PDB file of N, CA and C in Angstrom:
ATOM      1  N   UNK A   1     119.617 -73.936  36.929  1.00  0.00           N
ATOM      2  CA  UNK A   1     118.430 -73.165  37.517  1.00  0.00           C
ATOM      3  C   UNK A   1     118.237 -73.478  38.931  1.00  0.00           C
ATOM      4  N   UNK A   2     118.055 -72.238  39.642  1.00  0.00           N
ATOM      5  CA  UNK A   2     117.840 -72.401  41.055  1.00  0.00           C
ATOM      6  C   UNK A   2     116.401 -72.391  41.252  1.00  0.00           C
ATOM      7  N   UNK A   3     116.022 -73.213  42.256  1.00  0.00           N
ATOM      8  CA  UNK A   3     114.656 -73.419  42.609  1.00  0.00           C
ATOM      9  C   UNK A   3     114.356 -72.677  43.927  1.00  0.00           C
ATOM     10  N   UNK A   4     113.114 -72.209  44.200  1.00  0.00           N
ATOM     11  CA  UNK A   4     112.795 -71.496  45.412  1.00  0.00           C
ATOM     12  C   UNK A   4     111.576 -72.088  46.110  1.00  0.00           C
ATOM     13  N   UNK A   5     111.894 -72.093  47.436  1.00  0.00           N
ATOM     14  CA  UNK A   5     110.655 -72.696  48.293  1.00  0.00           C
ATOM     15  C   UNK A   5     109.806 -71.509  48.563  1.00  0.00           C
ATOM     16  N   UNK A   6     108.518 -71.867  48.675  1.00  0.00           N
ATOM     17  CA  UNK A   6     107.501 -70.860  49.035  1.00  0.00           C
ATOM     18  C   UNK A   6     106.914 -71.228  50.470  1.00  0.00           C
ATOM     19  N   UNK A   7     106.991 -70.276  51.330  1.00  0.00           N
ATOM     20  CA  UNK A   7     106.286 -70.522  52.612  1.00  0.00           C
ATOM     21  C   UNK A   7     105.264 -69.506  52.947  1.00  0.00           C
ATOM     22  N   UNK A   8     104.399 -69.843  53.751  1.00  0.00           N
ATOM     23  CA  UNK A   8     103.394 -68.979  54.408  1.00  0.00           C
ATOM     24  C   UNK A   8     104.095 -68.667  55.788  1.00  0.00           C
ATOM     25  N   UNK A   9     103.964 -67.558  56.277  1.00  0.00           N
ATOM     26  CA  UNK A   9     104.483 -67.248  57.787  1.00  0.00           C
ATOM     27  C   UNK A   9     103.393 -66.867  58.637  1.00  0.00           C
ATOM     28  N   UNK A  10     103.513 -67.277  59.899  1.00  0.00           N
ATOM     29  CA  UNK A  10     102.709 -67.069  61.021  1.00  0.00           C
ATOM     30  C   UNK A  10     103.270 -66.456  62.135  1.00  0.00           C
ATOM     31  N   UNK A  11     103.124 -65.179  62.620  1.00  0.00           N
ATOM     32  CA  UNK A  11     103.542 -64.724  63.828  1.00  0.00           C
ATOM     33  C   UNK A  11     102.902 -65.101  65.016  1.00  0.00           C
ATOM     34  N   UNK A  12     103.622 -65.326  66.128  1.00  0.00           N
ATOM     35  CA  UNK A  12     103.135 -65.899  67.360  1.00  0.00           C
ATOM     36  C   UNK A  12     104.154 -65.364  68.452  1.00  0.00           C
ATOM     37  N   UNK A  13     103.415 -65.543  69.717  1.00  0.00           N
ATOM     38  CA  UNK A  13     104.038 -65.206  70.764  1.00  0.00           C
ATOM     39  C   UNK A  13     104.479 -66.510  71.695  1.00  0.00           C
ATOM     40  N   UNK A  14     105.535 -66.682  71.894  1.00  0.00           N
ATOM     41  CA  UNK A  14     105.872 -68.025  72.711  1.00  0.00           C
ATOM     42  C   UNK A  14     105.151 -67.863  74.209  1.00  0.00           C
ATOM     43  N   UNK A  15     104.550 -68.948  74.535  1.00  0.00           N
ATOM     44  CA  UNK A  15     103.881 -68.832  75.688  1.00  0.00           C
ATOM     45  C   UNK A  15     104.699 -69.091  76.900  1.00  0.00           C
ATOM     46  N   UNK A  16     105.881 -69.624  76.683  1.00  0.00           N
ATOM     47  CA  UNK A  16     107.003 -69.763  77.885  1.00  0.00           C
ATOM     48  C   UNK A  16     107.643 -68.600  78.195  1.00  0.00           C
ATOM     49  N   UNK A  17     108.097 -67.889  77.065  1.00  0.00           N
ATOM     50  CA  UNK A  17     109.106 -66.909  77.202  1.00  0.00           C
ATOM     51  C   UNK A  17     108.454 -65.411  76.849  1.00  0.00           C
ATOM     52  N   UNK A  18     107.433 -65.490  76.175  1.00  0.00           N
ATOM     53  CA  UNK A  18     106.807 -64.290  75.681  1.00  0.00           C
ATOM     54  C   UNK A  18     107.235 -63.481  74.443  1.00  0.00           C
ATOM     55  N   UNK A  19     108.290 -64.307  73.897  1.00  0.00           N
ATOM     56  CA  UNK A  19     109.127 -63.719  72.846  1.00  0.00           C
ATOM     57  C   UNK A  19     108.254 -63.955  71.562  1.00  0.00           C
ATOM     58  N   UNK A  20     108.351 -62.940  70.674  1.00  0.00           N
ATOM     59  CA  UNK A  20     107.621 -62.921  69.329  1.00  0.00           C
ATOM     60  C   UNK A  20     108.570 -63.632  68.399  1.00  0.00           C
ATOM     61  N   UNK A  21     107.714 -64.654  67.869  1.00  0.00           N
ATOM     62  CA  UNK A  21     108.387 -65.746  66.836  1.00  0.00           C
ATOM     63  C   UNK A  21     107.585 -65.760  65.677  1.00  0.00           C
ATOM     64  N   UNK A  22     108.235 -66.448  64.669  1.00  0.00           N
ATOM     65  CA  UNK A  22     107.479 -66.815  63.318  1.00  0.00           C
ATOM     66  C   UNK A  22     107.639 -68.088  62.966  1.00  0.00           C
ATOM     67  N   UNK A  23     106.392 -68.640  62.545  1.00  0.00           N
ATOM     68  CA  UNK A  23     106.506 -70.098  62.108  1.00  0.00           C
ATOM     69  C   UNK A  23     106.329 -70.106  60.606  1.00  0.00           C
ATOM     70  N   UNK A  24     106.991 -70.970  59.855  1.00  0.00           N
ATOM     71  CA  UNK A  24     107.184 -71.018  58.520  1.00  0.00           C
ATOM     72  C   UNK A  24     106.761 -72.405  58.104  1.00  0.00           C
ATOM     73  N   UNK A  25     105.794 -72.346  57.110  1.00  0.00           N
ATOM     74  CA  UNK A  25     105.197 -73.579  56.615  1.00  0.00           C
ATOM     75  C   UNK A  25     105.289 -73.585  55.142  1.00  0.00           C
ATOM     76  N   UNK A  26     106.184 -74.583  54.549  1.00  0.00           N
ATOM     77  CA  UNK A  26     106.251 -74.786  53.112  1.00  0.00           C
ATOM     78  C   UNK A  26     104.882 -75.146  52.280  1.00  0.00           C
ATOM     79  N   UNK A  27     104.586 -74.339  51.386  1.00  0.00           N
ATOM     80  CA  UNK A  27     103.336 -74.455  50.712  1.00  0.00           C
ATOM     81  C   UNK A  27     103.709 -74.774  49.111  1.00  0.00           C
ATOM     82  N   UNK A  28     104.777 -74.618  48.701  1.00  0.00           N
ATOM     83  CA  UNK A  28     105.023 -74.726  47.232  1.00  0.00           C
ATOM     84  C   UNK A  28     106.702 -74.629  46.755  1.00  0.00           C
ATOM     85  N   UNK A  29     106.600 -74.515  45.329  1.00  0.00           N
ATOM     86  CA  UNK A  29     107.966 -74.270  44.907  1.00  0.00           C
ATOM     87  C   UNK A  29     107.859 -73.187  43.809  1.00  0.00           C
ATOM     88  N   UNK A  30     109.019 -72.272  43.613  1.00  0.00           N
ATOM     89  CA  UNK A  30     109.155 -71.234  42.576  1.00  0.00           C
ATOM     90  C   UNK A  30     110.169 -71.614  41.643  1.00  0.00           C
ATOM     91  N   UNK A  31     109.800 -71.567  40.387  1.00  0.00           N
ATOM     92  CA  UNK A  31     110.563 -71.863  39.200  1.00  0.00           C
ATOM     93  C   UNK A  31     110.969 -70.525  38.339  1.00  0.00           C
ATOM     94  N   UNK A  32     112.138 -70.022  38.397  1.00  0.00           N
ATOM     95  CA  UNK A  32     112.253 -68.751  37.858  1.00  0.00           C
ATOM     96  C   UNK A  32     112.254 -68.936  36.183  1.00  0.00           C
ATOM     97  N   UNK A  33     111.804 -67.801  35.688  1.00  0.00           N
ATOM     98  CA  UNK A  33     111.839 -67.636  34.344  1.00  0.00           C
ATOM     99  C   UNK A  33     113.369 -67.526  33.850  1.00  0.00           C
ATOM    100  N   UNK A  34     113.454 -67.816  32.540  1.00  0.00           N
ATOM    101  CA  UNK A  34     114.758 -67.980  31.928  1.00  0.00           C
ATOM    102  C   UNK A  34     115.332 -66.592  31.788  1.00  0.00           C
ATOM    103  N   UNK A  35     114.469 -65.634  31.657  1.00  0.00           N
ATOM    104  CA  UNK A  35     115.111 -64.229  31.528  1.00  0.00           C
ATOM    105  C   UNK A  35     115.444 -63.622  32.812  1.00  0.00           C
ATOM    106  N   UNK A  36     115.122 -64.407  33.996  1.00  0.00           N
ATOM    107  CA  UNK A  36     115.525 -63.905  35.400  1.00  0.00           C
ATOM    108  C   UNK A  36     114.610 -62.763  35.796  1.00  0.00           C
ATOM    109  N   UNK A  37     113.544 -62.475  35.056  1.00  0.00           N
ATOM    110  CA  UNK A  37     112.617 -61.207  35.392  1.00  0.00           C
ATOM    111  C   UNK A  37     111.372 -61.822  36.225  1.00  0.00           C
ATOM    112  N   UNK A  38     111.288 -62.880  36.539  1.00  0.00           N
ATOM    113  CA  UNK A  38     109.953 -63.517  37.246  1.00  0.00           C
ATOM    114  C   UNK A  38     110.065 -64.954  37.624  1.00  0.00           C
ATOM    115  N   UNK A  39     108.973 -65.394  38.016  1.00  0.00           N
ATOM    116  CA  UNK A  39     109.067 -66.879  38.366  1.00  0.00           C
ATOM    117  C   UNK A  39     107.567 -67.555  38.267  1.00  0.00           C
ATOM    118  N   UNK A  40     107.449 -68.717  38.128  1.00  0.00           N
ATOM    119  CA  UNK A  40     106.044 -69.324  38.224  1.00  0.00           C
ATOM    120  C   UNK A  40     106.056 -70.066  39.694  1.00  0.00           C
ATOM    121  N   UNK A  41     105.034 -69.752  40.479  1.00  0.00           N
ATOM    122  CA  UNK A  41     105.086 -70.343  41.738  1.00  0.00           C
ATOM    123  C   UNK A  41     103.945 -71.441  41.745  1.00  0.00           C
ATOM    124  N   UNK A  42     104.324 -72.545  42.207  1.00  0.00           N
ATOM    125  CA  UNK A  42     103.438 -73.725  41.989  1.00  0.00           C
ATOM    126  C   UNK A  42     102.944 -74.154  43.507  1.00  0.00           C
ATOM    127  N   UNK A  43     101.720 -74.212  43.733  1.00  0.00           N
ATOM    128  CA  UNK A  43     101.202 -74.376  45.017  1.00  0.00           C
ATOM    129  C   UNK A  43     100.075 -75.542  44.892  1.00  0.00           C
ATOM    130  N   UNK A  44     100.196 -76.755  45.471  1.00  0.00           N
ATOM    131  CA  UNK A  44      99.289 -77.727  45.273  1.00  0.00           C
ATOM    132  C   UNK A  44      98.034 -77.464  45.595  1.00  0.00           C
ATOM    133  N   UNK A  45      97.004 -78.198  44.957  1.00  0.00           N
ATOM    134  CA  UNK A  45      95.459 -77.948  45.062  1.00  0.00           C
ATOM    135  C   UNK A  45      95.261 -78.410  46.669  1.00  0.00           C
ATOM    136  N   UNK A  46      94.439 -77.642  47.156  1.00  0.00           N
ATOM    137  CA  UNK A  46      93.959 -77.922  48.590  1.00  0.00           C
ATOM    138  C   UNK A  46      94.720 -77.019  49.758  1.00  0.00           C
ATOM    139  N   UNK A  47      95.669 -76.257  49.096  1.00  0.00           N
ATOM    140  CA  UNK A  47      96.326 -75.442  50.321  1.00  0.00           C
ATOM    141  C   UNK A  47      95.678 -74.127  50.289  1.00  0.00           C
ATOM    142  N   UNK A  48      95.241 -73.689  51.302  1.00  0.00           N
ATOM    143  CA  UNK A  48      94.569 -72.407  51.485  1.00  0.00           C
ATOM    144  C   UNK A  48      95.598 -71.494  51.783  1.00  0.00           C
ATOM    145  N   UNK A  49      95.721 -70.233  51.302  1.00  0.00           N
ATOM    146  CA  UNK A  49      96.765 -69.341  51.392  1.00  0.00           C
ATOM    147  C   UNK A  49      96.097 -67.892  51.836  1.00  0.00           C
ATOM    148  N   UNK A  50      96.724 -67.371  52.938  1.00  0.00           N
ATOM    149  CA  UNK A  50      96.269 -65.888  53.167  1.00  0.00           C
ATOM    150  C   UNK A  50      97.360 -65.436  54.027  1.00  0.00           C
ATOM    151  N   UNK A  51      97.490 -64.166  54.036  1.00  0.00           N
ATOM    152  CA  UNK A  51      98.570 -63.390  54.758  1.00  0.00           C
ATOM    153  C   UNK A  51      99.870 -63.283  53.872  1.00  0.00           C
ATOM    154  N   UNK A  52     101.078 -63.494  54.315  1.00  0.00           N
ATOM    155  CA  UNK A  52     102.229 -63.080  53.851  1.00  0.00           C
ATOM    156  C   UNK A  52     102.892 -64.577  53.124  1.00  0.00           C
ATOM    157  N   UNK A  53     103.470 -64.197  52.071  1.00  0.00           N
ATOM    158  CA  UNK A  53     104.263 -65.558  51.530  1.00  0.00           C
ATOM    159  C   UNK A  53     105.824 -64.935  51.454  1.00  0.00           C
ATOM    160  N   UNK A  54     106.537 -66.078  51.806  1.00  0.00           N
ATOM    161  CA  UNK A  54     108.007 -65.732  51.926  1.00  0.00           C
ATOM    162  C   UNK A  54     108.716 -66.540  50.682  1.00  0.00           C
ATOM    163  N   UNK A  55     109.590 -66.212  49.856  1.00  0.00           N
ATOM    164  CA  UNK A  55     110.239 -66.894  48.808  1.00  0.00           C
ATOM    165  C   UNK A  55     111.615 -66.955  49.070  1.00  0.00           C
ATOM    166  N   UNK A  56     112.210 -68.206  49.234  1.00  0.00           N
ATOM    167  CA  UNK A  56     113.593 -68.388  49.613  1.00  0.00           C
ATOM    168  C   UNK A  56     114.115 -69.288  48.476  1.00  0.00           C
ATOM    169  N   UNK A  57     115.522 -69.042  48.053  1.00  0.00           N
ATOM    170  CA  UNK A  57     116.303 -69.934  47.362  1.00  0.00           C
ATOM    171  C   UNK A  57     116.361 -71.194  48.038  1.00  0.00           C
ATOM    172  N   UNK A  58     116.202 -72.225  47.272  1.00  0.00           N
ATOM    173  CA  UNK A  58     116.458 -73.642  47.821  1.00  0.00           C
ATOM    174  C   UNK A  58     118.039 -73.861  48.051  1.00  0.00           C
ATOM    175  N   UNK A  59     118.233 -74.471  48.972  1.00  0.00           N
ATOM    176  CA  UNK A  59     119.646 -74.817  49.361  1.00  0.00           C
ATOM    177  C   UNK A  59     120.045 -76.093  48.581  1.00  0.00           C
ATOM    178  N   UNK A  60     121.120 -76.267  48.267  1.00  0.00           N
ATOM    179  CA  UNK A  60     121.891 -77.585  47.451  1.00  0.00           C
ATOM    180  C   UNK A  60     121.266 -78.681  48.304  1.00  0.00           C
ATOM    181  N   UNK A  61     121.451 -78.750  49.626  1.00  0.00           N
ATOM    182  CA  UNK A  61     121.201 -79.883  50.352  1.00  0.00           C
ATOM    183  C   UNK A  61     119.784 -80.266  50.429  1.00  0.00           C
ATOM    184  N   UNK A  62     118.998 -79.497  49.836  1.00  0.00           N
ATOM    185  CA  UNK A  62     117.377 -79.850  49.824  1.00  0.00           C
ATOM    186  C   UNK A  62     117.120 -80.481  48.442  1.00  0.00           C
ATOM    187  N   UNK A  63     118.285 -80.907  47.724  1.00  0.00           N
ATOM    188  CA  UNK A  63     117.936 -81.677  46.518  1.00  0.00           C
ATOM    189  C   UNK A  63     118.000 -83.126  46.864  1.00  0.00           C
ATOM    190  N   UNK A  64     117.453 -83.828  45.992  1.00  0.00           N
ATOM    191  CA  UNK A  64     117.264 -85.397  46.308  1.00  0.00           C
ATOM    192  C   UNK A  64     118.895 -85.958  45.967  1.00  0.00           C
ATOM    193  N   UNK A  65     119.226 -87.092  46.275  1.00  0.00           N
ATOM    194  CA  UNK A  65     120.566 -87.621  46.252  1.00  0.00           C
ATOM    195  C   UNK A  65     120.909 -87.823  44.555  1.00  0.00           C
ATOM    196  N   UNK A  66     119.850 -87.907  43.859  1.00  0.00           N
ATOM    197  CA  UNK A  66     120.083 -88.325  42.484  1.00  0.00           C
ATOM    198  C   UNK A  66     120.342 -87.096  41.605  1.00  0.00           C
ATOM    199  N   UNK A  67     120.464 -85.881  42.402  1.00  0.00           N
ATOM    200  CA  UNK A  67     120.789 -84.672  41.730  1.00  0.00           C
ATOM    201  C   UNK A  67     119.488 -84.040  41.281  1.00  0.00           C
ATOM    202  N   UNK A  68     118.362 -84.363  41.364  1.00  0.00           N
ATOM    203  CA  UNK A  68     117.056 -83.743  40.940  1.00  0.00           C
ATOM    204  C   UNK A  68     116.410 -83.232  42.169  1.00  0.00           C
ATOM    205  N   UNK A  69     116.009 -81.917  41.764  1.00  0.00           N
ATOM    206  CA  UNK A  69     115.306 -81.273  42.978  1.00  0.00           C
ATOM    207  C   UNK A  69     114.106 -81.985  43.623  1.00  0.00           C
ATOM    208  N   UNK A  70     113.753 -81.971  44.735  1.00  0.00           N
ATOM    209  CA  UNK A  70     112.857 -82.586  45.412  1.00  0.00           C
ATOM    210  C   UNK A  70     111.506 -81.823  44.976  1.00  0.00           C
ATOM    211  N   UNK A  71     110.395 -82.620  44.808  1.00  0.00           N
ATOM    212  CA  UNK A  71     109.132 -82.120  44.428  1.00  0.00           C
ATOM    213  C   UNK A  71     108.605 -81.451  45.603  1.00  0.00           C
ATOM    214  N   UNK A  72     107.991 -80.275  45.326  1.00  0.00           N
ATOM    215  CA  UNK A  72     107.481 -79.542  46.419  1.00  0.00           C
ATOM    216  C   UNK A  72     106.339 -80.018  47.209  1.00  0.00           C
ATOM    217  N   UNK A  73     105.627 -81.124  46.576  1.00  0.00           N
ATOM    218  CA  UNK A  73     104.431 -81.705  47.082  1.00  0.00           C
ATOM    219  C   UNK A  73     104.591 -83.050  47.569  1.00  0.00           C
ATOM    220  N   UNK A  74     105.764 -83.681  47.172  1.00  0.00           N
ATOM    221  CA  UNK A  74     105.924 -85.098  47.689  1.00  0.00           C
ATOM    222  C   UNK A  74     107.417 -85.328  47.826  1.00  0.00           C
ATOM    223  N   UNK A  75     107.890 -84.570  48.730  1.00  0.00           N
ATOM    224  CA  UNK A  75     109.307 -84.569  49.210  1.00  0.00           C
ATOM    225  C   UNK A  75     109.715 -85.945  49.677  1.00  0.00           C
ATOM    226  N   UNK A  76     110.842 -86.425  49.530  1.00  0.00           N
ATOM    227  CA  UNK A  76     111.355 -87.721  50.057  1.00  0.00           C
ATOM    228  C   UNK A  76     112.190 -88.582  49.236  1.00  0.00           C
TER     229      UNK A  76
END
């Protein structure tokens, strides 16, 4: 089962270059349904959300060394 990282995005202008950029802040994890037609998104208590959410498939190297996926709220 592939897991997904959930991010909020914030657009800003780089003060040095004036270039438009986007900041990504991880706020949770998505767990796909078995039928592949949706997912549960888990966001820990206390995280305020507004604006745009970005869902990206978690990379294999984001898993813990024991092969279990890192917990969205307590990575390490």
